[in-house]
Protein backbone atom coordinates (compact mmCIF):
# COMPACT_ATOMS: atom_id res chain seq x y z
CA MET A 1 100.38 -27.82 60.67
CA GLN A 2 101.01 -26.14 64.09
CA LYS A 3 105.12 -26.24 63.01
CA GLY A 4 104.23 -25.18 59.11
CA GLU A 5 105.13 -28.46 58.15
CA ILE A 6 101.94 -28.78 55.94
CA ASP A 7 100.38 -26.63 54.14
CA PRO A 8 96.98 -27.93 53.46
CA SER A 9 95.80 -25.31 51.46
CA PHE A 10 95.57 -27.36 48.38
CA VAL A 11 92.74 -28.34 49.49
CA ILE A 12 90.96 -25.37 49.88
CA THR A 13 88.80 -25.58 46.48
CA HIS A 14 86.15 -22.56 47.33
CA SER A 15 87.49 -19.05 49.26
CA ARG A 16 84.57 -16.77 49.39
CA PRO A 17 82.44 -14.69 52.14
CA LEU A 18 80.38 -15.81 54.79
CA GLU A 19 76.84 -14.70 53.20
CA GLU A 20 77.52 -17.18 50.81
CA GLY A 21 77.83 -19.64 52.77
CA PRO A 22 74.42 -21.18 52.07
CA GLU A 23 74.31 -20.96 48.06
CA LEU A 24 78.35 -22.26 48.91
CA TYR A 25 76.83 -25.67 51.12
CA ARG A 26 74.31 -26.58 48.22
CA THR A 27 77.07 -26.63 45.94
CA PHE A 28 79.59 -29.21 47.93
CA ARG A 29 76.58 -31.06 48.72
CA ASP A 30 75.67 -31.14 45.42
CA GLN A 31 79.42 -31.94 44.20
CA LYS A 32 79.21 -28.97 41.46
CA ASP A 33 82.07 -26.77 40.32
CA GLY A 34 84.97 -29.26 41.61
CA CYS A 35 84.22 -28.02 45.74
CA ALA A 36 85.89 -30.55 47.75
CA LYS A 37 86.59 -27.70 50.59
CA VAL A 38 84.96 -24.45 51.55
CA VAL A 39 86.49 -21.57 53.51
CA LEU A 40 83.96 -18.51 54.57
CA LYS A 41 85.87 -15.29 55.35
CA PRO A 42 83.78 -13.72 58.40
């Protein structure tokens, strides 16, 4: 990944502001909305 040979971004299913963290955790935990990998933006 450091060399740019692998792009893991295809795994990210949700990208939201940090404030939505608790809600997205429940979404991930309950396996709703196809949630597999969350990126929280500060």
